[in-house]
Amino acid sequence: MHTLMWIVGGLVALGIFILAAVLLGKSVAEGARAFVWPWLAASVVNMLLGIYWANIPFSVELPVLVVVFGVPAAVAWLVAKRFGAV
C-alpha cells in the first residue's frame, strides 16, 4: 500500500510540475523533464527511510525504489516525448 501511495504521489507531483511549467510559460515537456531529478531524490530518501527507520533490508528496498521511481519517471518520459522534448 505504501508503494502504491508513493507511485500515485509521484504522478500527482508530475502533474504539479507540468502545471507549474505551463503557468510559467514553459512547455509541458519542460515540466516533465524538470520533474525527474527531484523525484529521484524523493524516491531515494524514501528508500533510505525504509532501510534505516523501518529496518527493511536493502535487497528488499531496491526493487521498490525501481518501481516507485520508475513508474512516474516513465510517465514523465512519455509525456516529454509526446509533447516535443528532444
N, C-alpha and C. Protein backbone atom coordinates (compact mmCIF):
# COMPACT_ATOMS: atom_id res chain seq x y z
N MET A 1 0.82 -1.19 0.00
CA MET A 1 0.00 0.00 0.00
C MET A 1 0.87 1.26 0.00
N HIS A 2 1.95 1.22 0.76
CA HIS A 2 2.86 2.36 0.83
C HIS A 2 3.47 2.64 -0.54
N THR A 3 3.83 1.59 -1.25
CA THR A 3 4.41 1.74 -2.58
C THR A 3 3.40 2.38 -3.53
N LEU A 4 2.17 1.93 -3.47
CA LEU A 4 1.12 2.49 -4.34
C LEU A 4 0.90 3.97 -4.02
N MET A 5 0.93 4.32 -2.75
CA MET A 5 0.75 5.73 -2.37
C MET A 5 1.88 6.57 -2.93
N TRP A 6 3.11 6.07 -2.92
CA TRP A 6 4.24 6.82 -3.46
C TRP A 6 4.13 6.95 -4.98
N ILE A 7 3.67 5.91 -5.66
CA ILE A 7 3.52 5.99 -7.11
C ILE A 7 2.46 7.02 -7.47
N VAL A 8 1.32 6.96 -6.79
CA VAL A 8 0.26 7.94 -7.05
C VAL A 8 0.74 9.35 -6.70
N GLY A 9 1.47 9.47 -5.59
CA GLY A 9 2.03 10.76 -5.22
C GLY A 9 2.99 11.29 -6.28
N GLY A 10 3.76 10.39 -6.87
CA GLY A 10 4.67 10.79 -7.94
C GLY A 10 3.94 11.27 -9.18
N LEU A 11 2.83 10.61 -9.50
CA LEU A 11 2.05 11.05 -10.65
C LEU A 11 1.38 12.40 -10.38
N VAL A 12 0.94 12.60 -9.15
CA VAL A 12 0.37 13.90 -8.78
C VAL A 12 1.47 14.97 -8.85
N ALA A 13 2.65 14.66 -8.33
CA ALA A 13 3.75 15.62 -8.39
C ALA A 13 4.12 15.94 -9.84
N LEU A 14 4.09 14.94 -10.70
CA LEU A 14 4.35 15.19 -12.13
C LEU A 14 3.33 16.17 -12.69
N GLY A 15 2.08 15.97 -12.33
CA GLY A 15 1.04 16.90 -12.79
C GLY A 15 1.28 18.32 -12.28
N ILE A 16 1.74 18.44 -11.04
CA ILE A 16 2.04 19.75 -10.48
C ILE A 16 3.21 20.40 -11.21
N PHE A 17 4.24 19.63 -11.51
CA PHE A 17 5.38 20.16 -12.26
C PHE A 17 4.95 20.62 -13.65
N ILE A 18 4.11 19.84 -14.30
CA ILE A 18 3.64 20.22 -15.64
C ILE A 18 2.79 21.48 -15.57
N LEU A 19 1.89 21.53 -14.59
CA LEU A 19 1.04 22.71 -14.43
C LEU A 19 1.89 23.96 -14.15
N ALA A 20 2.88 23.82 -13.28
CA ALA A 20 3.75 24.96 -12.97
C ALA A 20 4.51 25.41 -14.21
N ALA A 21 4.98 24.46 -14.99
CA ALA A 21 5.71 24.82 -16.21
C ALA A 21 4.82 25.59 -17.17
N VAL A 22 3.60 25.12 -17.34
CA VAL A 22 2.69 25.80 -18.26
C VAL A 22 2.34 27.20 -17.74
N LEU A 23 2.11 27.31 -16.43
CA LEU A 23 1.79 28.62 -15.85
C LEU A 23 2.97 29.59 -15.94
N LEU A 24 4.18 29.05 -15.99
CA LEU A 24 5.37 29.89 -16.11
C LEU A 24 5.77 30.14 -17.57
N GLY A 25 4.94 29.68 -18.49
CA GLY A 25 5.20 29.93 -19.90
C GLY A 25 6.14 28.94 -20.54
N LYS A 26 6.41 27.86 -19.87
CA LYS A 26 7.27 26.81 -20.44
C LYS A 26 6.39 25.74 -21.09
N SER A 27 7.03 24.78 -21.71
CA SER A 27 6.27 23.71 -22.35
C SER A 27 5.97 22.59 -21.37
N VAL A 28 5.00 21.77 -21.74
CA VAL A 28 4.66 20.60 -20.95
C VAL A 28 5.87 19.68 -20.81
N ALA A 29 6.62 19.53 -21.90
CA ALA A 29 7.80 18.67 -21.90
C ALA A 29 8.85 19.16 -20.91
N GLU A 30 9.02 20.48 -20.80
CA GLU A 30 9.99 21.01 -19.84
C GLU A 30 9.57 20.72 -18.41
N GLY A 31 8.29 20.79 -18.14
CA GLY A 31 7.80 20.45 -16.81
C GLY A 31 8.04 18.99 -16.48
N ALA A 32 7.83 18.11 -17.47
CA ALA A 32 8.07 16.69 -17.27
C ALA A 32 9.55 16.41 -17.05
N ARG A 33 10.41 17.09 -17.81
CA ARG A 33 11.85 16.88 -17.64
C ARG A 33 12.33 17.40 -16.29
N ALA A 34 11.77 18.52 -15.83
CA ALA A 34 12.19 19.09 -14.55
C ALA A 34 11.77 18.21 -13.38
N PHE A 35 10.78 17.38 -13.57
CA PHE A 35 10.26 16.52 -12.52
C PHE A 35 11.21 15.38 -12.15
N VAL A 36 11.98 14.89 -13.09
CA VAL A 36 12.70 13.62 -12.92
C VAL A 36 13.73 13.68 -11.78
N TRP A 37 14.58 14.68 -11.71
CA TRP A 37 15.62 14.72 -10.67
C TRP A 37 15.06 14.89 -9.27
N PRO A 38 14.12 15.79 -9.05
CA PRO A 38 13.53 15.86 -7.70
C PRO A 38 12.81 14.57 -7.31
N TRP A 39 12.18 13.91 -8.28
CA TRP A 39 11.50 12.67 -7.97
C TRP A 39 12.51 11.57 -7.63
N LEU A 40 13.64 11.54 -8.31
CA LEU A 40 14.68 10.58 -7.96
C LEU A 40 15.16 10.81 -6.53
N ALA A 41 15.38 12.07 -6.16
CA ALA A 41 15.82 12.40 -4.80
C ALA A 41 14.77 11.96 -3.77
N ALA A 42 13.50 12.24 -4.03
CA ALA A 42 12.45 11.84 -3.10
C ALA A 42 12.36 10.32 -2.99
N SER A 43 12.52 9.62 -4.10
CA SER A 43 12.46 8.16 -4.09
C SER A 43 13.62 7.55 -3.30
N VAL A 44 14.81 8.12 -3.46
CA VAL A 44 15.97 7.62 -2.72
C VAL A 44 15.81 7.89 -1.23
N VAL A 45 15.30 9.07 -0.87
CA VAL A 45 15.05 9.37 0.54
C VAL A 45 14.04 8.38 1.11
N ASN A 46 13.00 8.06 0.35
CA ASN A 46 12.02 7.08 0.78
C ASN A 46 12.68 5.72 1.04
N MET A 47 13.58 5.32 0.12
CA MET A 47 14.28 4.05 0.30
C MET A 47 15.15 4.08 1.55
N LEU A 48 15.89 5.16 1.74
CA LEU A 48 16.77 5.25 2.91
C LEU A 48 15.97 5.24 4.21
N LEU A 49 14.82 5.88 4.23
CA LEU A 49 13.97 5.83 5.42
C LEU A 49 13.49 4.40 5.67
N GLY A 50 13.17 3.70 4.62
CA GLY A 50 12.76 2.30 4.77
C GLY A 50 13.88 1.44 5.32
N ILE A 51 15.10 1.72 4.89
CA ILE A 51 16.25 0.92 5.35
C ILE A 51 16.59 1.25 6.80
N TYR A 52 16.72 2.53 7.11
CA TYR A 52 17.23 2.92 8.43
C TYR A 52 16.15 3.04 9.50
N TRP A 53 14.97 3.48 9.13
CA TRP A 53 13.95 3.70 10.14
C TRP A 53 13.06 2.48 10.31
N ALA A 54 12.68 1.84 9.19
CA ALA A 54 11.79 0.68 9.26
C ALA A 54 12.54 -0.65 9.27
N ASN A 55 13.87 -0.58 9.18
CA ASN A 55 14.73 -1.78 9.20
C ASN A 55 14.37 -2.79 8.12
N ILE A 56 14.08 -2.29 6.94
CA ILE A 56 13.82 -3.15 5.80
C ILE A 56 15.15 -3.34 5.06
N PRO A 57 15.50 -4.57 4.72
CA PRO A 57 16.80 -4.80 4.07
C PRO A 57 16.92 -4.09 2.72
N PHE A 58 18.15 -3.71 2.40
CA PHE A 58 18.44 -3.05 1.13
C PHE A 58 17.97 -3.89 -0.05
N SER A 59 18.14 -5.20 0.05
CA SER A 59 17.76 -6.09 -1.04
C SER A 59 16.26 -6.09 -1.29
N VAL A 60 15.48 -5.72 -0.29
CA VAL A 60 14.03 -5.61 -0.46
C VAL A 60 13.66 -4.21 -0.95
N GLU A 61 14.35 -3.21 -0.45
CA GLU A 61 14.03 -1.83 -0.81
C GLU A 61 14.45 -1.45 -2.23
N LEU A 62 15.50 -2.06 -2.74
CA LEU A 62 15.99 -1.68 -4.06
C LEU A 62 14.95 -1.92 -5.17
N PRO A 63 14.29 -3.07 -5.23
CA PRO A 63 13.26 -3.23 -6.27
C PRO A 63 12.08 -2.27 -6.07
N VAL A 64 11.78 -1.95 -4.83
CA VAL A 64 10.71 -0.99 -4.56
C VAL A 64 11.12 0.38 -5.09
N LEU A 65 12.38 0.75 -4.90
CA LEU A 65 12.88 2.02 -5.44
C LEU A 65 12.71 2.06 -6.96
N VAL A 66 13.03 0.97 -7.61
CA VAL A 66 12.92 0.92 -9.07
C VAL A 66 11.48 1.17 -9.50
N VAL A 67 10.53 0.58 -8.80
CA VAL A 67 9.12 0.75 -9.16
C VAL A 67 8.64 2.16 -8.79
N VAL A 68 8.96 2.60 -7.57
CA VAL A 68 8.49 3.90 -7.09
C VAL A 68 9.05 5.02 -7.97
N PHE A 69 10.30 4.94 -8.34
CA PHE A 69 10.87 5.95 -9.22
C PHE A 69 10.47 5.70 -10.67
N GLY A 70 10.50 4.45 -11.08
CA GLY A 70 10.36 4.12 -12.49
C GLY A 70 9.01 4.42 -13.10
N VAL A 71 7.94 4.15 -12.39
CA VAL A 71 6.61 4.35 -12.98
C VAL A 71 6.35 5.84 -13.27
N PRO A 72 6.48 6.74 -12.28
CA PRO A 72 6.27 8.15 -12.61
C PRO A 72 7.31 8.71 -13.59
N ALA A 73 8.55 8.23 -13.50
CA ALA A 73 9.58 8.69 -14.44
C ALA A 73 9.27 8.23 -15.86
N ALA A 74 8.75 7.02 -16.01
CA ALA A 74 8.37 6.53 -17.33
C ALA A 74 7.21 7.35 -17.89
N VAL A 75 6.26 7.69 -17.05
CA VAL A 75 5.15 8.54 -17.50
C VAL A 75 5.68 9.92 -17.89
N ALA A 76 6.61 10.45 -17.11
CA ALA A 76 7.21 11.75 -17.45
C ALA A 76 7.94 11.66 -18.79
N TRP A 77 8.64 10.57 -19.03
CA TRP A 77 9.34 10.40 -20.30
C TRP A 77 8.34 10.34 -21.46
N LEU A 78 7.24 9.61 -21.27
CA LEU A 78 6.23 9.51 -22.32
C LEU A 78 5.59 10.88 -22.59
N VAL A 79 5.31 11.63 -21.53
CA VAL A 79 4.73 12.97 -21.69
C VAL A 79 5.72 13.87 -22.42
N ALA A 80 6.99 13.84 -22.01
CA ALA A 80 8.00 14.68 -22.66
C ALA A 80 8.16 14.29 -24.13
N LYS A 81 8.14 13.02 -24.41
CA LYS A 81 8.26 12.56 -25.79
C LYS A 81 7.04 12.97 -26.62
N ARG A 82 5.87 12.84 -26.03
CA ARG A 82 4.63 13.18 -26.73
C ARG A 82 4.52 14.67 -27.01
N PHE A 83 5.00 15.49 -26.09
CA PHE A 83 4.83 16.93 -26.22
C PHE A 83 6.11 17.64 -26.70
N GLY A 84 7.01 16.90 -27.34
CA GLY A 84 8.06 17.52 -28.10
C GLY A 84 9.39 17.72 -27.43
N ALA A 85 9.74 16.96 -26.42
CA ALA A 85 11.07 17.08 -25.84
C ALA A 85 12.08 16.45 -26.77
N VAL A 86 13.29 16.91 -26.68
CA VAL A 86 14.36 16.35 -27.51
C VAL A 86 14.89 15.09 -26.90
